[in-house]
Protein backbone atom coordinates (compact mmCIF):
# COMPACT_ATOMS: atom_id res chain seq x y z
CA UNK A 1 5.30 -10.61 11.61
CA UNK A 2 5.18 -8.71 8.21
CA UNK A 3 3.55 -4.79 9.08
CA UNK A 4 0.45 -3.68 5.70
CA UNK A 5 -0.37 0.39 6.11
CA UNK A 6 -4.05 0.73 4.22
CA UNK A 7 -4.70 4.39 3.07
CA UNK A 8 -8.46 4.47 2.64
CA UNK A 9 -11.06 6.88 3.50
CA UNK A 10 -14.18 4.46 3.00
CA UNK A 11 -13.86 2.96 6.14
CA UNK A 12 -16.32 -0.65 4.34
CA UNK A 13 -13.78 -0.67 1.73
CA UNK A 14 -10.63 -0.24 3.90
CA UNK A 15 -12.57 -2.87 6.62
CA UNK A 16 -13.01 -5.63 4.17
CA UNK A 17 -9.08 -5.12 3.08
CA UNK A 18 -8.11 -6.05 5.97
CA UNK A 19 -10.98 -8.49 7.18
CA UNK A 20 -9.83 -10.50 3.39
CA UNK A 21 -5.60 -10.11 4.42
CA UNK A 22 -6.52 -11.26 8.07
CA UNK A 23 -8.37 -14.43 6.98
CA UNK A 24 -5.90 -15.27 4.71
CA UNK A 25 -2.40 -14.41 7.14
CA UNK A 26 -1.93 -15.00 10.21
CA UNK A 27 1.71 -12.94 11.28
CA UNK A 28 0.23 -9.49 9.60
CA UNK A 29 -0.03 -6.17 11.26
CA UNK A 30 -1.85 -4.28 9.66
CA UNK A 31 -2.30 -0.79 10.03
CA UNK A 32 -5.30 1.80 8.96
CA UNK A 33 -5.01 5.70 7.68
CA UNK A 34 -8.27 7.25 7.03
CA UNK A 35 -6.88 9.67 5.17
CA UNK A 36 -3.15 11.27 3.65
CA UNK A 37 -2.14 13.42 6.27
CA UNK A 38 -3.05 10.47 9.04
CA UNK A 39 -0.44 8.54 6.28
CA UNK A 40 2.11 10.73 6.32
CA UNK A 41 1.99 10.89 10.21
CA UNK A 42 1.83 6.70 10.87
CA UNK A 43 4.49 6.42 7.27
CA UNK A 44 6.70 8.88 9.37
CA UNK A 45 6.60 7.55 13.01
CA UNK A 46 6.65 3.40 11.44
CA UNK A 47 8.27 1.80 8.80
CA UNK A 48 6.18 -0.78 7.27
CA UNK A 49 6.50 -3.49 5.44
CA UNK A 50 3.29 -2.33 2.09
CA UNK A 51 1.74 0.86 1.56
CA UNK A 52 -1.92 0.31 -0.35
CA UNK A 53 -3.50 3.08 -1.10
CA UNK A 54 -6.50 4.65 -2.54
CA UNK A 55 -5.80 7.59 -4.89
CA UNK A 56 -9.06 9.01 -4.75
CA UNK A 57 -8.81 10.75 -1.53
CA UNK A 58 -10.36 13.67 -0.29
CA UNK A 59 -7.24 15.52 1.13
CA UNK A 60 -5.02 14.50 -1.34
CA UNK A 61 -5.02 12.13 -4.07
CA UNK A 62 -2.67 9.07 -3.18
CA UNK A 63 0.79 10.45 -5.72
CA UNK A 64 0.89 13.26 -3.74
CA UNK A 65 0.29 11.51 -0.32
CA UNK A 66 3.18 9.37 -1.96
CA UNK A 67 5.45 11.60 -3.19
CA UNK A 68 5.04 13.41 0.55
CA UNK A 69 6.85 10.88 1.36
CA UNK A 70 8.70 8.81 -0.48
CA UNK A 71 12.51 9.93 0.12
CA UNK A 72 11.10 7.03 3.27
CA UNK A 73 9.51 5.06 1.55
CA UNK A 74 12.39 4.27 -0.73
CA UNK A 75 14.98 4.58 2.96
CA UNK A 76 12.36 1.41 4.51
CA UNK A 77 11.99 -0.28 1.40
CA UNK A 78 8.43 -0.48 1.72
CA UNK A 79 6.82 -1.57 -1.79
CA UNK A 80 4.47 0.32 -2.52
CA UNK A 81 0.89 0.34 -4.28
CA UNK A 82 -1.98 2.38 -5.50
CA UNK A 83 -5.26 2.08 -6.58
CA UNK A 84 -8.35 3.26 -8.77
CA UNK A 85 -10.64 3.89 -10.24
CA UNK A 86 -9.66 6.51 -12.86
CA UNK A 87 -7.85 6.23 -16.11
CA UNK A 88 -4.72 4.39 -15.28
CA UNK A 89 -3.04 6.69 -18.05
CA UNK A 90 -3.70 9.55 -15.95
CA UNK A 91 -2.19 7.54 -12.77
CA UNK A 92 1.13 6.43 -15.06
CA UNK A 93 1.60 9.87 -15.27
CA UNK A 94 1.26 11.75 -12.07
CA UNK A 95 3.66 8.80 -10.44
CA UNK A 96 6.11 9.71 -13.14
CA UNK A 97 9.68 8.65 -11.62
CA UNK A 98 8.10 6.72 -8.89
CA UNK A 99 9.35 3.31 -10.70
CA UNK A 100 8.58 1.37 -7.63
CA UNK A 101 4.74 2.16 -7.21
CA UNK A 102 2.79 -0.59 -8.90
CA UNK A 103 -0.80 1.17 -9.86
CA UNK A 104 -3.68 -2.33 -9.68
CA UNK A 105 -7.15 -1.30 -11.44
CA UNK A 106 -9.42 -0.84 -8.91
CA UNK A 107 -11.35 -3.46 -10.22
CA UNK A 108 -9.27 -5.66 -9.35
CA UNK A 109 -9.51 -9.32 -7.76
CA UNK A 110 -9.58 -9.58 -4.08
CA UNK A 111 -7.57 -11.83 -4.43
CA UNK A 112 -4.44 -10.04 -5.95
CA UNK A 113 -3.85 -9.06 -2.61
CA UNK A 114 -3.01 -11.61 -1.14
CA UNK A 115 -1.00 -12.93 -4.23
CA UNK A 116 0.80 -9.33 -2.69
CA UNK A 117 1.60 -10.40 -0.04
CA UNK A 118 2.67 -13.88 -1.19
CA UNK A 119 5.18 -12.19 -3.50
CA UNK A 120 6.62 -9.55 -0.26
CA UNK A 121 7.52 -13.19 1.51
CA UNK A 122 8.26 -14.96 -0.87
CA UNK A 123 11.10 -11.92 -1.48
CA UNK A 124 11.92 -12.15 2.01
CA UNK A 125 13.07 -15.67 1.88
CA UNK A 126 15.03 -14.54 -0.77
CA UNK A 127 16.60 -12.14 0.67
CA UNK A 128 17.14 -13.23 4.03
CA UNK A 129 17.39 -16.71 3.27
CA UNK A 130 17.53 -18.91 6.58
CA UNK A 131 15.20 -16.16 8.99
């Protein structure tokens, strides 16, 4: 089972992404957080394989959320993705020092999210052969 946390303040985006991923995969456990504060609580309580967060949220930016819990995410080997419609240079600047965070252009085709789950799954087969 692959555990994913989606952190997104827009219900429609959050729910559509969850439904999209569940359409392609039956071995995902997807939890949702409506903002960075709720996301922090969930990460503190649970180990996730993949974290996907929006950058532009009302209570705190996704980059602030990630910087608050980056050590836990590193210990858990969580794959971290952040998406935004803001200028990519600005977002990369805010995430300086967090090389493990992958930035996604908000306008990316939704198939990208399917591919990232497949990439994660493939990496686990290589790391844990026979499991």
